Amino acid sequence: QVQLVESGGGLVQAGGSLRLSCAASGRTFSSYAMGWFRQAPGKEREFVASIGWNGRSTVYADSVKGRFTISRDNAKNTVYLQMNSLKPEDTAVYYCAADRTGVAKKYGYDYWGQGTQVTVSS
């Protein structure tokens, strides 16, 4: 079992930056793939970014490529999402997820956090 706790959300103006963190419990963090997803009001949850177990492979949604960067620190059991050039359409609850296969991917995750709110004002 893995428990995930997100932090770093908040209110930011368009064009600004935020860094989200997701702290994971458990000794097997370094073997998991990690992902970030988001859900805006009235919309379905969507994939944002994923990183493989060793940090060498990443996958991004087209909507965030070039603006967001996912990274991980296995020594700290933490995954990050650096978000730059934020737009009002990035406003959503952001969720962290973990997958036992260790392979960066867009779906099929095993564990989820509770989410952190990101609001981008225009």
PDB file of N, CA and C in Angstrom:
ATOM      1  N   GLN A   1       0.836  -1.197   0.000  1.00  0.00           N
ATOM      2  CA  GLN A   1       0.000   0.000   0.000  1.00  0.00           C
ATOM      3  C   GLN A   1       0.869   1.244   0.000  1.00  0.00           C
ATOM      4  N   VAL A   2       0.477   2.210  -0.772  1.00  0.00           N
ATOM      5  CA  VAL A   2       1.190   3.481  -0.863  1.00  0.00           C
ATOM      6  C   VAL A   2       0.218   4.603  -0.534  1.00  0.00           C
ATOM      7  N   GLN A   3       0.645   5.508   0.308  1.00  0.00           N
ATOM      8  CA  GLN A   3      -0.144   6.704   0.588  1.00  0.00           C
ATOM      9  C   GLN A   3       0.541   7.909  -0.027  1.00  0.00           C
ATOM     10  N   LEU A   4      -0.245   8.749  -0.674  1.00  0.00           N
ATOM     11  CA  LEU A   4       0.273   9.898  -1.401  1.00  0.00           C
ATOM     12  C   LEU A   4      -0.348  11.177  -0.857  1.00  0.00           C
ATOM     13  N   VAL A   5       0.485  12.177  -0.620  1.00  0.00           N
ATOM     14  CA  VAL A   5       0.000  13.453  -0.105  1.00  0.00           C
ATOM     15  C   VAL A   5       0.564  14.579  -0.965  1.00  0.00           C
ATOM     16  N   GLU A   6      -0.345  15.299  -1.623  1.00  0.00           N
ATOM     17  CA  GLU A   6       0.058  16.411  -2.477  1.00  0.00           C
ATOM     18  C   GLU A   6       0.137  17.711  -1.674  1.00  0.00           C
ATOM     19  N   SER A   7       0.984  18.619  -2.144  1.00  0.00           N
ATOM     20  CA  SER A   7       1.070  19.951  -1.564  1.00  0.00           C
ATOM     21  C   SER A   7       1.588  20.918  -2.625  1.00  0.00           C
ATOM     22  N   GLY A   8       1.491  22.210  -2.315  1.00  0.00           N
ATOM     23  CA  GLY A   8       2.040  23.223  -3.206  1.00  0.00           C
ATOM     24  C   GLY A   8       1.026  23.947  -4.065  1.00  0.00           C
ATOM     25  N   GLY A   9      -0.229  23.541  -3.982  1.00  0.00           N
ATOM     26  CA  GLY A   9      -1.244  24.240  -4.759  1.00  0.00           C
ATOM     27  C   GLY A   9      -1.507  25.630  -4.199  1.00  0.00           C
ATOM     28  N   GLY A  10      -2.270  26.412  -4.960  1.00  0.00           N
ATOM     29  CA  GLY A  10      -2.598  27.750  -4.509  1.00  0.00           C
ATOM     30  C   GLY A  10      -3.146  28.599  -5.635  1.00  0.00           C
ATOM     31  N   LEU A  11      -3.185  29.895  -5.374  1.00  0.00           N
ATOM     32  CA  LEU A  11      -3.689  30.876  -6.344  1.00  0.00           C
ATOM     33  C   LEU A  11      -2.509  31.606  -6.971  1.00  0.00           C
ATOM     34  N   VAL A  12      -2.503  31.682  -8.292  1.00  0.00           N
ATOM     35  CA  VAL A  12      -1.419  32.350  -8.998  1.00  0.00           C
ATOM     36  C   VAL A  12      -1.999  33.081 -10.204  1.00  0.00           C
ATOM     37  N   GLN A  13      -1.346  34.149 -10.603  1.00  0.00           N
ATOM     38  CA  GLN A  13      -1.795  34.890 -11.780  1.00  0.00           C
ATOM     39  C   GLN A  13      -1.328  34.186 -13.055  1.00  0.00           C
ATOM     40  N   ALA A  14      -2.052  34.412 -14.112  1.00  0.00           N
ATOM     41  CA  ALA A  14      -1.657  33.862 -15.407  1.00  0.00           C
ATOM     42  C   ALA A  14      -0.235  34.281 -15.737  1.00  0.00           C
ATOM     43  N   GLY A  15       0.536  33.328 -16.252  1.00  0.00           N
ATOM     44  CA  GLY A  15       1.934  33.567 -16.554  1.00  0.00           C
ATOM     45  C   GLY A  15       2.872  33.213 -15.422  1.00  0.00           C
ATOM     46  N   GLY A  16       2.306  32.956 -14.260  1.00  0.00           N
ATOM     47  CA  GLY A  16       3.119  32.624 -13.096  1.00  0.00           C
ATOM     48  C   GLY A  16       3.494  31.159 -13.029  1.00  0.00           C
ATOM     49  N   SER A  17       4.120  30.788 -11.908  1.00  0.00           N
ATOM     50  CA  SER A  17       4.620  29.425 -11.729  1.00  0.00           C
ATOM     51  C   SER A  17       4.221  28.878 -10.365  1.00  0.00           C
ATOM     52  N   LEU A  18       4.102  27.571 -10.308  1.00  0.00           N
ATOM     53  CA  LEU A  18       3.908  26.845  -9.057  1.00  0.00           C
ATOM     54  C   LEU A  18       4.661  25.531  -9.155  1.00  0.00           C
ATOM     55  N   ARG A  19       5.070  25.016  -8.005  1.00  0.00           N
ATOM     56  CA  ARG A  19       5.642  23.679  -7.969  1.00  0.00           C
ATOM     57  C   ARG A  19       4.837  22.820  -7.005  1.00  0.00           C
ATOM     58  N   LEU A  20       4.276  21.768  -7.539  1.00  0.00           N
ATOM     59  CA  LEU A  20       3.548  20.808  -6.724  1.00  0.00           C
ATOM     60  C   LEU A  20       4.498  19.705  -6.260  1.00  0.00           C
ATOM     61  N   SER A  21       4.234  19.211  -5.063  1.00  0.00           N
ATOM     62  CA  SER A  21       4.979  18.081  -4.525  1.00  0.00           C
ATOM     63  C   SER A  21       4.014  16.981  -4.135  1.00  0.00           C
ATOM     64  N   CYS A  22       4.501  15.758  -4.220  1.00  0.00           N
ATOM     65  CA  CYS A  22       3.716  14.606  -3.792  1.00  0.00           C
ATOM     66  C   CYS A  22       4.640  13.706  -2.983  1.00  0.00           C
ATOM     67  N   ALA A  23       4.371  13.601  -1.696  1.00  0.00           N
ATOM     68  CA  ALA A  23       5.166  12.765  -0.812  1.00  0.00           C
ATOM     69  C   ALA A  23       4.506  11.400  -0.678  1.00  0.00           C
ATOM     70  N   ALA A  24       5.302  10.360  -0.834  1.00  0.00           N
ATOM     71  CA  ALA A  24       4.782   8.995  -0.787  1.00  0.00           C
ATOM     72  C   ALA A  24       5.321   8.249   0.415  1.00  0.00           C
ATOM     73  N   SER A  25       4.479   7.426   0.984  1.00  0.00           N
ATOM     74  CA  SER A  25       4.911   6.554   2.069  1.00  0.00           C
ATOM     75  C   SER A  25       5.345   5.225   1.485  1.00  0.00           C
ATOM     76  N   GLY A  26       6.061   4.443   2.269  1.00  0.00           N
ATOM     77  CA  GLY A  26       6.409   3.101   1.817  1.00  0.00           C
ATOM     78  C   GLY A  26       7.808   3.002   1.250  1.00  0.00           C
ATOM     79  N   ARG A  27       8.368   1.795   1.317  1.00  0.00           N
ATOM     80  CA  ARG A  27       9.739   1.557   0.890  1.00  0.00           C
ATOM     81  C   ARG A  27       9.871   1.317  -0.596  1.00  0.00           C
ATOM     82  N   THR A  28       8.753   1.126  -1.283  1.00  0.00           N
ATOM     83  CA  THR A  28       8.823   0.742  -2.688  1.00  0.00           C
ATOM     84  C   THR A  28       8.628   1.902  -3.648  1.00  0.00           C
ATOM     85  N   PHE A  29       8.680   3.127  -3.135  1.00  0.00           N
ATOM     86  CA  PHE A  29       8.448   4.292  -3.990  1.00  0.00           C
ATOM     87  C   PHE A  29       9.343   4.265  -5.208  1.00  0.00           C
ATOM     88  N   SER A  30      10.597   3.922  -5.031  1.00  0.00           N
ATOM     89  CA  SER A  30      11.559   4.008  -6.135  1.00  0.00           C
ATOM     90  C   SER A  30      11.249   3.042  -7.266  1.00  0.00           C
ATOM     91  N   SER A  31      10.387   2.083  -7.051  1.00  0.00           N
ATOM     92  CA  SER A  31      10.038   1.134  -8.108  1.00  0.00           C
ATOM     93  C   SER A  31       8.753   1.512  -8.840  1.00  0.00           C
ATOM     94  N   TYR A  32       8.065   2.548  -8.372  1.00  0.00           N
ATOM     95  CA  TYR A  32       6.782   2.940  -8.957  1.00  0.00           C
ATOM     96  C   TYR A  32       6.945   4.008 -10.029  1.00  0.00           C
ATOM     97  N   ALA A  33       6.117   3.923 -11.041  1.00  0.00           N
ATOM     98  CA  ALA A  33       5.929   5.070 -11.915  1.00  0.00           C
ATOM     99  C   ALA A  33       5.006   6.046 -11.190  1.00  0.00           C
ATOM    100  N   MET A  34       5.197   7.325 -11.431  1.00  0.00           N
ATOM    101  CA  MET A  34       4.385   8.348 -10.779  1.00  0.00           C
ATOM    102  C   MET A  34       3.744   9.236 -11.848  1.00  0.00           C
ATOM    103  N   GLY A  35       2.552   9.669 -11.552  1.00  0.00           N
ATOM    104  CA  GLY A  35       1.847  10.512 -12.510  1.00  0.00           C
ATOM    105  C   GLY A  35       1.132  11.663 -11.835  1.00  0.00           C
ATOM    106  N   TRP A  36       0.853  12.673 -12.624  1.00  0.00           N
ATOM    107  CA  TRP A  36       0.010  13.795 -12.192  1.00  0.00           C
ATOM    108  C   TRP A  36      -1.199  13.856 -13.117  1.00  0.00           C
ATOM    109  N   PHE A  37      -2.335  14.067 -12.502  1.00  0.00           N
ATOM    110  CA  PHE A  37      -3.590  14.218 -13.222  1.00  0.00           C
ATOM    111  C   PHE A  37      -4.284  15.471 -12.699  1.00  0.00           C
ATOM    112  N   ARG A  38      -5.291  15.927 -13.412  1.00  0.00           N
ATOM    113  CA  ARG A  38      -6.049  17.083 -12.926  1.00  0.00           C
ATOM    114  C   ARG A  38      -7.512  16.956 -13.312  1.00  0.00           C
ATOM    115  N   GLN A  39      -8.342  17.613 -12.535  1.00  0.00           N
ATOM    116  CA  GLN A  39      -9.774  17.625 -12.808  1.00  0.00           C
ATOM    117  C   GLN A  39     -10.322  19.014 -12.569  1.00  0.00           C
ATOM    118  N   ALA A  40     -10.828  19.610 -13.627  1.00  0.00           N
ATOM    119  CA  ALA A  40     -11.451  20.925 -13.542  1.00  0.00           C
ATOM    120  C   ALA A  40     -12.943  20.763 -13.242  1.00  0.00           C
ATOM    121  N   PRO A  41     -13.578  21.785 -12.702  1.00  0.00           N
ATOM    122  CA  PRO A  41     -15.007  21.696 -12.389  1.00  0.00           C
ATOM    123  C   PRO A  41     -15.831  21.321 -13.612  1.00  0.00           C
ATOM    124  N   GLY A  42     -16.676  20.314 -13.465  1.00  0.00           N
ATOM    125  CA  GLY A  42     -17.540  19.910 -14.559  1.00  0.00           C
ATOM    126  C   GLY A  42     -16.871  19.104 -15.649  1.00  0.00           C
ATOM    127  N   LYS A  43     -15.608  18.771 -15.446  1.00  0.00           N
ATOM    128  CA  LYS A  43     -14.879  18.015 -16.465  1.00  0.00           C
ATOM    129  C   LYS A  43     -14.352  16.706 -15.885  1.00  0.00           C
ATOM    130  N   GLU A  44     -13.993  15.785 -16.768  1.00  0.00           N
ATOM    131  CA  GLU A  44     -13.414  14.528 -16.333  1.00  0.00           C
ATOM    132  C   GLU A  44     -11.945  14.735 -15.953  1.00  0.00           C
ATOM    133  N   ARG A  45     -11.464  13.843 -15.129  1.00  0.00           N
ATOM    134  CA  ARG A  45     -10.051  13.885 -14.765  1.00  0.00           C
ATOM    135  C   ARG A  45      -9.214  13.586 -16.004  1.00  0.00           C
ATOM    136  N   GLU A  46      -8.117  14.318 -16.154  1.00  0.00           N
ATOM    137  CA  GLU A  46      -7.264  14.123 -17.327  1.00  0.00           C
ATOM    138  C   GLU A  46      -5.807  13.960 -16.926  1.00  0.00           C
ATOM    139  N   PHE A  47      -5.095  13.245 -17.756  1.00  0.00           N
ATOM    140  CA  PHE A  47      -3.673  13.007 -17.562  1.00  0.00           C
ATOM    141  C   PHE A  47      -2.883  14.293 -17.795  1.00  0.00           C
ATOM    142  N   VAL A  48      -1.856  14.511 -16.975  1.00  0.00           N
ATOM    143  CA  VAL A  48      -0.982  15.672 -17.136  1.00  0.00           C
ATOM    144  C   VAL A  48       0.449  15.239 -17.472  1.00  0.00           C
ATOM    145  N   ALA A  49       1.036  14.396 -16.617  1.00  0.00           N
ATOM    146  CA  ALA A  49       2.427  14.010 -16.821  1.00  0.00           C
ATOM    147  C   ALA A  49       2.723  12.731 -16.040  1.00  0.00           C
ATOM    148  N   SER A  50       3.744  12.013 -16.504  1.00  0.00           N
ATOM    149  CA  SER A  50       4.155  10.786 -15.832  1.00  0.00           C
ATOM    150  C   SER A  50       5.661  10.636 -15.914  1.00  0.00           C
ATOM    151  N   ILE A  51       6.224   9.926 -14.929  1.00  0.00           N
ATOM    152  CA  ILE A  51       7.658   9.687 -14.902  1.00  0.00           C
ATOM    153  C   ILE A  51       7.906   8.242 -14.481  1.00  0.00           C
ATOM    154  N   GLY A  52       8.849   7.593 -15.152  1.00  0.00           N
ATOM    155  CA  GLY A  52       9.164   6.216 -14.835  1.00  0.00           C
ATOM    156  C   GLY A  52       9.923   6.077 -13.527  1.00  0.00           C
ATOM    157  N   TRP A  53      10.128   4.843 -13.106  1.00  0.00           N
ATOM    158  CA  TRP A  53      10.693   4.573 -11.793  1.00  0.00           C
ATOM    159  C   TRP A  53      12.068   5.197 -11.582  1.00  0.00           C
ATOM    160  N   ASN A  54      12.884   5.260 -12.617  1.00  0.00           N
ATOM    161  CA  ASN A  54      14.240   5.796 -12.453  1.00  0.00           C
ATOM    162  C   ASN A  54      14.368   7.230 -12.940  1.00  0.00           C
ATOM    163  N   GLY A  55      13.272   7.831 -13.333  1.00  0.00           N
ATOM    164  CA  GLY A  55      13.292   9.226 -13.748  1.00  0.00           C
ATOM    165  C   GLY A  55      13.760   9.468 -15.167  1.00  0.00           C
ATOM    166  N   ARG A  56      14.103   8.419 -15.905  1.00  0.00           N
ATOM    167  CA  ARG A  56      14.673   8.598 -17.239  1.00  0.00           C
ATOM    168  C   ARG A  56      13.625   8.756 -18.321  1.00  0.00           C
ATOM    169  N   SER A  57      12.424   8.288 -18.077  1.00  0.00           N
ATOM    170  CA  SER A  57      11.371   8.408 -19.077  1.00  0.00           C
ATOM    171  C   SER A  57      10.234   9.269 -18.533  1.00  0.00           C
ATOM    172  N   THR A  58       9.739  10.149 -19.386  1.00  0.00           N
ATOM    173  CA  THR A  58       8.618  11.010 -19.019  1.00  0.00           C
ATOM    174  C   THR A  58       7.621  11.063 -20.174  1.00  0.00           C
ATOM    175  N   VAL A  59       6.383  11.320 -19.808  1.00  0.00           N
ATOM    176  CA  VAL A  59       5.307  11.473 -20.787  1.00  0.00           C
ATOM    177  C   VAL A  59       4.492  12.692 -20.369  1.00  0.00           C
ATOM    178  N   TYR A  60       4.083  13.490 -21.342  1.00  0.00           N
ATOM    179  CA  TYR A  60       3.308  14.691 -21.041  1.00  0.00           C
ATOM    180  C   TYR A  60       2.063  14.770 -21.919  1.00  0.00           C
ATOM    181  N   ALA A  61       1.046  15.382 -21.378  1.00  0.00           N
ATOM    182  CA  ALA A  61      -0.106  15.745 -22.195  1.00  0.00           C
ATOM    183  C   ALA A  61       0.306  16.879 -23.124  1.00  0.00           C
ATOM    184  N   ASP A  62      -0.262  16.905 -24.307  1.00  0.00           N
ATOM    185  CA  ASP A  62       0.091  17.950 -25.277  1.00  0.00           C
ATOM    186  C   ASP A  62      -0.168  19.339 -24.724  1.00  0.00           C
ATOM    187  N   SER A  63      -1.188  19.462 -23.897  1.00  0.00           N
ATOM    188  CA  SER A  63      -1.583  20.770 -23.383  1.00  0.00           C
ATOM    189  C   SER A  63      -0.572  21.385 -22.431  1.00  0.00           C
ATOM    190  N   VAL A  64       0.349  20.574 -21.895  1.00  0.00           N
ATOM    191  CA  VAL A  64       1.312  21.102 -20.923  1.00  0.00           C
ATOM    192  C   VAL A  64       2.755  20.983 -21.390  1.00  0.00           C
ATOM    193  N   LYS A  65       2.988  20.362 -22.540  1.00  0.00           N
ATOM    194  CA  LYS A  65       4.356  20.202 -23.044  1.00  0.00           C
ATOM    195  C   LYS A  65       5.038  21.547 -23.193  1.00  0.00           C
ATOM    196  N   GLY A  66       6.271  21.617 -22.705  1.00  0.00           N
ATOM    197  CA  GLY A  66       7.024  22.847 -22.794  1.00  0.00           C
ATOM    198  C   GLY A  66       6.768  23.814 -21.654  1.00  0.00           C
ATOM    199  N   ARG A  67       5.718  23.557 -20.861  1.00  0.00           N
ATOM    200  CA  ARG A  67       5.402  24.435 -19.730  1.00  0.00           C
ATOM    201  C   ARG A  67       5.569  23.726 -18.388  1.00  0.00           C
ATOM    202  N   PHE A  68       5.233  22.447 -18.336  1.00  0.00           N
ATOM    203  CA  PHE A  68       5.315  21.673 -17.092  1.00  0.00           C
ATOM    204  C   PHE A  68       6.474  20.687 -17.164  1.00  0.00           C
ATOM    205  N   THR A  69       7.071  20.436 -16.004  1.00  0.00           N
ATOM    206  CA  THR A  69       8.150  19.449 -15.912  1.00  0.00           C
ATOM    207  C   THR A  69       7.913  18.555 -14.707  1.00  0.00           C
ATOM    208  N   ILE A  70       7.906  17.256 -14.942  1.00  0.00           N
ATOM    209  CA  ILE A  70       7.783  16.302 -13.850  1.00  0.00           C
ATOM    210  C   ILE A  70       9.171  15.785 -13.496  1.00  0.00           C
ATOM    211  N   SER A  71       9.408  15.610 -12.196  1.00  0.00           N
ATOM    212  CA  SER A  71      10.689  15.074 -11.740  1.00  0.00           C
ATOM    213  C   SER A  71      10.449  14.305 -10.447  1.00  0.00           C
ATOM    214  N   ARG A  72      11.465  13.564 -10.023  1.00  0.00           N
ATOM    215  CA  ARG A  72      11.318  12.795  -8.799  1.00  0.00           C
ATOM    216  C   ARG A  72      12.639  12.729  -8.055  1.00  0.00           C
ATOM    217  N   ASP A  73      12.534  12.552  -6.744  1.00  0.00           N
ATOM    218  CA  ASP A  73      13.686  12.349  -5.885  1.00  0.00           C
ATOM    219  C   ASP A  73      13.398  11.086  -5.084  1.00  0.00           C
ATOM    220  N   ASN A  74      13.965   9.985  -5.507  1.00  0.00           N
ATOM    221  CA  ASN A  74      13.667   8.705  -4.848  1.00  0.00           C
ATOM    222  C   ASN A  74      14.213   8.647  -3.423  1.00  0.00           C
ATOM    223  N   ALA A  75      15.243   9.417  -3.144  1.00  0.00           N
ATOM    224  CA  ALA A  75      15.781   9.450  -1.783  1.00  0.00           C
ATOM    225  C   ALA A  75      14.804  10.116  -0.819  1.00  0.00           C
ATOM    226  N   LYS A  76      13.960  10.985  -1.358  1.00  0.00           N
ATOM    227  CA  LYS A  76      12.989  11.707  -0.534  1.00  0.00           C
ATOM    228  C   LYS A  76      11.567  11.182  -0.711  1.00  0.00           C
ATOM    229  N   ASN A  77      11.407  10.141  -1.517  1.00  0.00           N
ATOM    230  CA  ASN A  77      10.072   9.589  -1.791  1.00  0.00           C
ATOM    231  C   ASN A  77       9.110  10.670  -2.266  1.00  0.00           C
ATOM    232  N   THR A  78       9.583  11.514  -3.150  1.00  0.00           N
ATOM    233  CA  THR A  78       8.783  12.656  -3.580  1.00  0.00           C
ATOM    234  C   THR A  78       8.847  12.829  -5.098  1.00  0.00           C
ATOM    235  N   VAL A  79       7.700  13.187  -5.658  1.00  0.00           N
ATOM    236  CA  VAL A  79       7.627  13.547  -7.071  1.00  0.00           C
ATOM    237  C   VAL A  79       7.142  14.996  -7.150  1.00  0.00           C
ATOM    238  N   TYR A  80       7.626  15.700  -8.149  1.00  0.00           N
ATOM    239  CA  TYR A  80       7.326  17.122  -8.302  1.00  0.00           C
ATOM    240  C   TYR A  80       6.687  17.403  -9.659  1.00  0.00           C
ATOM    241  N   LEU A  81       5.945  18.490  -9.700  1.00  0.00           N
ATOM    242  CA  LEU A  81       5.442  19.000 -10.963  1.00  0.00           C
ATOM    243  C   LEU A  81       5.698  20.501 -10.983  1.00  0.00           C
ATOM    244  N   GLN A  82       6.688  20.903 -11.757  1.00  0.00           N
ATOM    245  CA  GLN A  82       6.986  22.318 -11.940  1.00  0.00           C
ATOM    246  C   GLN A  82       6.100  22.855 -13.046  1.00  0.00           C
ATOM    247  N   MET A  83       5.299  23.851 -12.724  1.00  0.00           N
ATOM    248  CA  MET A  83       4.350  24.406 -13.679  1.00  0.00           C
ATOM    249  C   MET A  83       4.698  25.860 -13.959  1.00  0.00           C
ATOM    250  N   ASN A  84       5.069  26.144 -15.182  1.00  0.00           N
ATOM    251  CA  ASN A  84       5.422  27.492 -15.610  1.00  0.00           C
ATOM    252  C   ASN A  84       4.425  28.000 -16.639  1.00  0.00           C
ATOM    253  N   SER A  85       4.442  29.304 -16.858  1.00  0.00           N
ATOM    254  CA  SER A  85       3.557  29.923 -17.865  1.00  0.00           C
ATOM    255  C   SER A  85       2.112  29.454 -17.685  1.00  0.00           C
ATOM    256  N   LEU A  86       1.644  29.508 -16.461  1.00  0.00           N
ATOM    257  CA  LEU A  86       0.314  28.996 -16.162  1.00  0.00           C
ATOM    258  C   LEU A  86      -0.775  29.807 -16.843  1.00  0.00           C
ATOM    259  N   LYS A  87      -1.835  29.098 -17.224  1.00  0.00           N
ATOM    260  CA  LYS A  87      -2.975  29.703 -17.907  1.00  0.00           C
ATOM    261  C   LYS A  87      -4.235  29.467 -17.073  1.00  0.00           C
ATOM    262  N   PRO A  88      -5.243  30.290 -17.240  1.00  0.00           N
ATOM    263  CA  PRO A  88      -6.496  30.062 -16.499  1.00  0.00           C
ATOM    264  C   PRO A  88      -7.062  28.667 -16.740  1.00  0.00           C
ATOM    265  N   GLU A  89      -6.865  28.115 -17.908  1.00  0.00           N
ATOM    266  CA  GLU A  89      -7.376  26.767 -18.197  1.00  0.00           C
ATOM    267  C   GLU A  89      -6.611  25.660 -17.473  1.00  0.00           C
ATOM    268  N   ASP A  90      -5.535  26.007 -16.788  1.00  0.00           N
ATOM    269  CA  ASP A  90      -4.830  25.036 -15.944  1.00  0.00           C
ATOM    270  C   ASP A  90      -5.490  24.904 -14.572  1.00  0.00           C
ATOM    271  N   THR A  91      -6.471  25.734 -14.289  1.00  0.00           N
ATOM    272  CA  THR A  91      -7.169  25.673 -13.011  1.00  0.00           C
ATOM    273  C   THR A  91      -7.855  24.320 -12.844  1.00  0.00           C
ATOM    274  N   ALA A  92      -7.545  23.644 -11.737  1.00  0.00           N
ATOM    275  CA  ALA A  92      -8.078  22.305 -11.485  1.00  0.00           C
ATOM    276  C   ALA A  92      -7.586  21.812 -10.136  1.00  0.00           C
ATOM    277  N   VAL A  93      -8.148  20.707  -9.704  1.00  0.00           N
ATOM    278  CA  VAL A  93      -7.559  19.951  -8.606  1.00  0.00           C
ATOM    279  C   VAL A  93      -6.541  19.001  -9.225  1.00  0.00           C
ATOM    280  N   TYR A  94      -5.334  19.035  -8.709  1.00  0.00           N
ATOM    281  CA  TYR A  94      -4.257  18.202  -9.228  1.00  0.00           C
ATOM    282  C   TYR A  94      -4.033  17.015  -8.298  1.00  0.00           C
ATOM    283  N   TYR A  95      -3.974  15.836  -8.916  1.00  0.00           N
ATOM    284  CA  TYR A  95      -3.816  14.594  -8.177  1.00  0.00           C
ATOM    285  C   TYR A  95      -2.513  13.907  -8.546  1.00  0.00           C
ATOM    286  N   CYS A  96      -1.911  13.320  -7.549  1.00  0.00           N
ATOM    287  CA  CYS A  96      -0.728  12.490  -7.720  1.00  0.00           C
ATOM    288  C   CYS A  96      -1.178  11.031  -7.742  1.00  0.00           C
ATOM    289  N   ALA A  97      -0.486  10.212  -8.542  1.00  0.00           N
ATOM    290  CA  ALA A  97      -0.836   8.795  -8.620  1.00  0.00           C
ATOM    291  C   ALA A  97       0.425   7.958  -8.752  1.00  0.00           C
ATOM    292  N   ALA A  98       0.329   6.711  -8.288  1.00  0.00           N
ATOM    293  CA  ALA A  98       1.459   5.779  -8.345  1.00  0.00           C
ATOM    294  C   ALA A  98       1.048   4.492  -9.037  1.00  0.00           C
ATOM    295  N   ASP A  99       1.976   3.928  -9.794  1.00  0.00           N
ATOM    296  CA  ASP A  99       1.702   2.700 -10.539  1.00  0.00           C
ATOM    297  C   ASP A  99       2.804   1.681 -10.321  1.00  0.00           C
ATOM    298  N   ARG A 100       2.415   0.451 -10.017  1.00  0.00           N
ATOM    299  CA  ARG A 100       3.386  -0.580  -9.662  1.00  0.00           C
ATOM    300  C   ARG A 100       4.235  -1.079 -10.818  1.00  0.00           C
ATOM    301  N   THR A 101       3.804  -0.844 -12.049  1.00  0.00           N
ATOM    302  CA  THR A 101       4.595  -1.350 -13.174  1.00  0.00           C
ATOM    303  C   THR A 101       5.915  -0.605 -13.331  1.00  0.00           C
ATOM    304  N   GLY A 102       5.961   0.640 -12.834  1.00  0.00           N
ATOM    305  CA  GLY A 102       7.189   1.412 -12.944  1.00  0.00           C
ATOM    306  C   GLY A 102       7.381   2.115 -14.273  1.00  0.00           C
ATOM    307  N   VAL A 103       6.443   1.906 -15.175  1.00  0.00           N
ATOM    308  CA  VAL A 103       6.570   2.463 -16.527  1.00  0.00           C
ATOM    309  C   VAL A 103       5.707   3.712 -16.647  1.00  0.00           C
ATOM    310  N   ALA A 104       6.302   4.790 -17.124  1.00  0.00           N
ATOM    311  CA  ALA A 104       5.548   6.029 -17.322  1.00  0.00           C
ATOM    312  C   ALA A 104       4.407   5.795 -18.312  1.00  0.00           C
ATOM    313  N   LYS A 105       3.222   6.188 -17.935  1.00  0.00           N
ATOM    314  CA  LYS A 105       2.066   5.968 -18.793  1.00  0.00           C
ATOM    315  C   LYS A 105       0.944   6.917 -18.442  1.00  0.00           C
ATOM    316  N   LYS A 106      -0.115   6.891 -19.254  1.00  0.00           N
ATOM    317  CA  LYS A 106      -1.196   7.851 -19.126  1.00  0.00           C
ATOM    318  C   LYS A 106      -2.423   7.332 -18.387  1.00  0.00           C
ATOM    319  N   TYR A 107      -2.445   6.066 -18.034  1.00  0.00           N
ATOM    320  CA  TYR A 107      -3.660   5.534 -17.414  1.00  0.00           C
ATOM    321  C   TYR A 107      -3.318   4.293 -16.591  1.00  0.00           C
ATOM    322  N   GLY A 108      -4.311   3.805 -15.841  1.00  0.00           N
ATOM    323  CA  GLY A 108      -4.153   2.538 -15.141  1.00  0.00           C
ATOM    324  C   GLY A 108      -3.333   2.594 -13.867  1.00  0.00           C
ATOM    325  N   TYR A 109      -3.451   3.672 -13.111  1.00  0.00           N
ATOM    326  CA  TYR A 109      -2.676   3.823 -11.891  1.00  0.00           C
ATOM    327  C   TYR A 109      -3.336   3.117 -10.710  1.00  0.00           C
ATOM    328  N   ASP A 110      -2.498   2.691  -9.763  1.00  0.00           N
ATOM    329  CA  ASP A 110      -2.975   1.883  -8.647  1.00  0.00           C
ATOM    330  C   ASP A 110      -3.354   2.680  -7.409  1.00  0.00           C
ATOM    331  N   TYR A 111      -2.651   3.771  -7.153  1.00  0.00           N
ATOM    332  CA  TYR A 111      -2.862   4.536  -5.922  1.00  0.00           C
ATOM    333  C   TYR A 111      -2.997   6.018  -6.251  1.00  0.00           C
ATOM    334  N   TRP A 112      -3.830   6.694  -5.440  1.00  0.00           N
ATOM    335  CA  TRP A 112      -4.134   8.101  -5.695  1.00  0.00           C
ATOM    336  C   TRP A 112      -4.056   8.913  -4.417  1.00  0.00           C
ATOM    337  N   GLY A 113      -3.642  10.174  -4.573  1.00  0.00           N
ATOM    338  CA  GLY A 113      -3.696  11.110  -3.471  1.00  0.00           C
ATOM    339  C   GLY A 113      -5.037  11.814  -3.420  1.00  0.00           C
ATOM    340  N   GLN A 114      -5.160  12.731  -2.475  1.00  0.00           N
ATOM    341  CA  GLN A 114      -6.417  13.441  -2.259  1.00  0.00           C
ATOM    342  C   GLN A 114      -6.547  14.699  -3.104  1.00  0.00           C
ATOM    343  N   GLY A 115      -5.464  15.177  -3.644  1.00  0.00           N
ATOM    344  CA  GLY A 115      -5.515  16.317  -4.538  1.00  0.00           C
ATOM    345  C   GLY A 115      -5.147  17.631  -3.878  1.00  0.00           C
ATOM    346  N   THR A 116      -4.712  18.577  -4.697  1.00  0.00           N
ATOM    347  CA  THR A 116      -4.413  19.937  -4.254  1.00  0.00           C
ATOM    348  C   THR A 116      -4.942  20.907  -5.303  1.00  0.00           C
ATOM    349  N   GLN A 117      -5.559  21.985  -4.833  1.00  0.00           N
ATOM    350  CA  GLN A 117      -6.216  22.924  -5.746  1.00  0.00           C
ATOM    351  C   GLN A 117      -5.208  23.905  -6.333  1.00  0.00           C
ATOM    352  N   VAL A 118      -5.286  24.071  -7.629  1.00  0.00           N
ATOM    353  CA  VAL A 118      -4.508  25.100  -8.335  1.00  0.00           C
ATOM    354  C   VAL A 118      -5.500  26.017  -9.036  1.00  0.00           C
ATOM    355  N   THR A 119      -5.384  27.312  -8.750  1.00  0.00           N
ATOM    356  CA  THR A 119      -6.267  28.289  -9.380  1.00  0.00           C
ATOM    357  C   THR A 119      -5.412  29.354 -10.054  1.00  0.00           C
ATOM    358  N   VAL A 120      -5.655  29.555 -11.338  1.00  0.00           N
ATOM    359  CA  VAL A 120      -4.908  30.530 -12.117  1.00  0.00           C
ATOM    360  C   VAL A 120      -5.863  31.645 -12.523  1.00  0.00           C
ATOM    361  N   SER A 121      -5.576  32.842 -12.058  1.00  0.00           N
ATOM    362  CA  SER A 121      -6.444  33.977 -12.363  1.00  0.00           C
ATOM    363  C   SER A 121      -5.956  34.700 -13.610  1.00  0.00           C
ATOM    364  N   SER A 122      -6.903  35.264 -14.332  1.00  0.00           N
ATOM    365  CA  SER A 122      -6.554  35.945 -15.591  1.00  0.00           C
ATOM    366  C   SER A 122      -6.286  37.414 -15.354  1.00  0.00           C
TER     367      SER A 122
END
